[in-house]
Protein backbone atom coordinates (compact mmCIF):
# COMPACT_ATOMS: atom_id res chain seq x y z
CA MET A 1 0.00 0.00 0.00
CA ARG A 2 1.53 3.28 -1.11
CA ILE A 3 0.24 6.65 0.04
CA GLU A 4 0.81 9.23 -2.69
CA ASN A 5 0.81 13.02 -2.43
CA CYS A 6 -1.48 15.30 -4.40
CA TYR A 7 0.43 17.12 -7.13
CA PHE A 8 -1.50 20.35 -6.57
CA CYS A 9 -2.23 20.75 -2.86
CA GLY A 10 0.25 18.27 -1.37
CA SER A 11 -2.21 16.34 0.79
CA LYS A 12 -2.12 12.55 1.09
CA ILE A 13 -3.96 10.30 -1.35
CA TYR A 14 -4.87 6.88 -0.05
CA PRO A 15 -5.32 3.86 -2.35
CA GLY A 16 -8.60 3.93 -4.24
CA HIS A 17 -9.01 7.68 -3.87
CA GLY A 18 -8.27 10.62 -6.11
CA ILE A 19 -7.76 11.15 -9.82
CA GLN A 20 -4.76 10.37 -12.04
CA PHE A 21 -3.94 12.44 -15.07
CA VAL A 22 -1.34 11.14 -17.53
CA ARG A 23 0.15 13.72 -19.87
CA ASN A 24 1.35 12.91 -23.42
CA ASP A 25 4.95 12.61 -22.23
CA CYS A 26 3.86 9.87 -19.75
CA LYS A 27 4.17 12.16 -16.69
CA ILE A 28 1.66 11.08 -14.06
CA PHE A 29 -0.14 13.70 -11.99
CA ARG A 30 -2.16 12.53 -9.00
CA PHE A 31 -4.87 14.69 -7.47
CA CYS A 32 -6.72 14.15 -4.19
CA ARG A 33 -10.02 15.66 -5.34
CA SER A 34 -11.65 17.33 -8.30
CA LYS A 35 -10.95 20.77 -6.85
CA CYS A 36 -7.20 20.16 -7.29
CA HIS A 37 -7.67 18.59 -10.73
CA LYS A 38 -9.73 21.54 -11.99
CA SER A 39 -7.25 24.05 -10.58
CA PHE A 40 -4.43 22.21 -12.35
CA LYS A 41 -6.34 22.26 -15.64
CA LYS A 42 -6.90 26.00 -15.18
CA LYS A 43 -3.09 26.32 -14.89
CA ARG A 44 -3.22 27.85 -11.43
CA ASN A 45 0.01 28.12 -9.49
CA PRO A 46 -0.21 26.12 -6.23
CA ARG A 47 2.10 28.64 -4.51
CA LYS A 48 -0.46 31.39 -5.12
CA VAL A 49 -3.57 29.45 -4.06
CA ARG A 50 -4.01 30.07 -0.34
CA TRP A 51 -5.34 26.64 0.71
CA THR A 52 -2.41 24.58 -0.60
CA LYS A 53 0.58 23.36 1.37
CA ALA A 54 2.87 24.95 -1.23
CA PHE A 55 1.39 28.38 -0.40
CA ARG A 56 1.74 27.83 3.34
CA LYS A 57 5.40 26.85 2.96
CA ALA A 58 6.18 29.68 0.53
CA ALA A 59 4.51 32.23 2.82
CA GLY A 60 6.45 30.97 5.86
CA LYS A 61 3.39 29.69 7.68
CA GLU A 62 4.68 26.12 7.92
CA LEU A 63 8.02 24.58 8.58
CA ALA A 64 9.67 24.30 5.14
CA VAL A 65 13.29 23.31 5.77
CA ASP A 66 14.04 20.63 8.32
CA PRO A 67 16.29 17.55 8.31
CA SER A 68 13.37 15.37 9.43
CA PHE A 69 11.78 15.79 5.99
CA GLU A 70 14.66 13.81 4.53
CA PHE A 71 13.21 10.64 6.08
CA GLU A 72 9.95 11.05 4.13
CA ARG A 73 11.66 11.05 0.76
CA ARG A 74 10.73 8.19 -1.50
CA ARG A 75 13.41 5.57 -2.03
CA ASP A 76 13.03 3.12 -4.89
CA VAL A 77 15.89 0.88 -3.80
CA PRO A 78 14.56 -2.64 -3.18
CA VAL A 79 15.59 -4.12 0.18
CA LYS A 80 15.33 -7.77 1.09
CA TYR A 81 12.80 -8.36 3.88
CA ASN A 82 14.34 -8.72 7.31
CA ARG A 83 12.20 -8.88 10.44
CA GLU A 84 14.71 -7.03 12.60
CA LEU A 85 15.17 -4.29 9.98
CA TRP A 86 11.38 -3.96 9.69
CA GLY A 87 11.06 -3.47 13.47
CA LYS A 88 13.82 -0.84 13.50
CA THR A 89 12.17 0.95 10.60
CA VAL A 90 8.80 1.14 12.35
CA ARG A 91 10.44 2.43 15.56
CA SER A 92 12.44 5.02 13.65
CA ILE A 93 9.31 6.19 11.78
CA ARG A 94 7.52 6.76 15.09
CA ARG A 95 10.53 8.61 16.50
CA VAL A 96 10.79 10.83 13.42
CA GLN A 97 7.08 11.67 13.69
CA GLU A 98 7.55 12.69 17.34
CA ILE A 99 10.53 14.88 16.47
CA LYS A 100 8.69 16.47 13.56
CA ALA A 101 5.61 17.19 15.68
CA ARG A 102 7.76 18.81 18.37
CA ARG A 103 9.60 20.99 15.86
CA GLN A 104 6.39 22.06 14.15
CA SER A 105 4.80 23.03 17.45
CA GLN A 106 7.92 25.04 18.34
CA PHE A 107 7.78 26.74 14.93
CA ILE A 108 4.14 27.68 15.49
CA LYS A 109 4.91 29.04 18.97
CA ASN A 110 7.69 31.22 17.53
CA ARG A 111 5.32 32.54 14.85
CA MET A 112 2.66 33.33 17.46
CA ARG A 113 5.19 35.09 19.68
CA ALA A 114 5.76 37.76 17.02
CA GLY A 115 2.01 38.35 16.75
CA GLN A 116 1.73 38.55 20.52
CA LYS A 117 4.44 41.24 20.60
CA LEU A 118 2.52 43.32 18.07
CA ALA A 119 -0.69 42.88 20.04
CA ASP A 120 1.06 43.97 23.26
CA GLU A 121 2.48 47.09 21.56
CA HIS A 122 -0.97 47.92 20.19
CA ASP A 123 -2.53 47.52 23.66
CA ILE A 124 0.09 49.77 25.28
CA LYS A 125 -0.44 52.44 22.64
CA GLU A 126 -4.22 52.29 23.12
CA VAL A 127 -3.86 52.64 26.91
CA GLU A 128 -1.55 55.64 26.50
CA GLN A 129 -4.04 57.33 24.17
CA ASN A 130 -7.02 56.70 26.47
CA ILE A 131 -5.37 57.09 29.88
CA HIS A 132 -7.99 59.67 30.92
CA ILE A 133 -10.61 56.94 30.96
CA ILE A 134 -8.77 54.68 33.38
CA GLU A 135 -7.10 57.21 35.71
CA THR A 136 -7.97 56.91 39.39
CA PRO A 137 -10.29 59.49 41.00
CA ALA A 138 -7.50 60.68 43.33
CA VAL A 139 -5.41 61.72 40.34
CA ASP A 140 -8.46 63.44 38.86
CA GLN A 141 -9.00 65.38 42.14
CA LYS A 142 -5.39 66.60 42.13
CA THR A 143 -5.64 67.80 38.55
CA ILE A 144 -9.00 69.47 39.23
CA LYS A 145 -7.59 71.31 42.27
CA ALA A 146 -4.54 72.41 40.29
CA ALA A 147 -6.75 73.71 37.47
CA ALA A 148 -9.01 75.54 39.96
CA MET A 149 -6.01 77.20 41.61
CA ALA A 150 -4.74 78.31 38.22
CA ARG A 151 -8.17 79.80 37.41
CA ARG A 152 -8.30 81.69 40.72
CA LYS A 153 -4.89 83.16 40.12
CA SER A 154 -5.85 84.24 36.61
CA LYS A 155 -9.13 85.80 37.89
CA THR A 156 -7.36 87.85 40.54
CA LYS A 157 -4.90 89.16 37.98
CA ALA A 158 -7.60 89.89 35.38
CA PRO A 159 -9.44 92.73 37.33
CA ALA A 160 -6.15 94.43 38.14
CA LEU A 161 -5.27 94.47 34.46
CA ALA A 162 -8.76 95.74 33.64
CA MET A 163 -8.28 98.75 35.96
CA GLU A 164 -4.97 99.61 34.41
CA VAL A 165 -6.42 99.55 30.91
CA GLU A 166 -9.21 102.05 31.77
């Protein structure tokens, strides 16, 4: 049983599923669903279609370069069956999947950290702009008293200036 990858979107195609298209030069294209097949026939670029894995990797939204991907590469070298080798292979596949999952989660956390920084800066800026809404009443009382004192001083000086002008 061989699990193929969709030529357009990159998702897995299990046996008995999907569509195969064979070009005149005998190149085989496998598609997971008709959506991918139609997009291919319309000559769309998978790196520009937002729902494909190619777009996500090109845009930096998924881990693109990692040594663990080397293990997934297809090898057409026939190997004689050996029970011990088979057991080691299964264990190594599980281990590689664990490592890959850990690295992908770390990659996602690093991506989210940048967004969190931007959100924090935006929140700080918003608080600084609207500080008058959240100031404590004691601070408001001090500013009100200071403004009242300034008004009293200006009122006492105003009549004296008015007398001098007349």
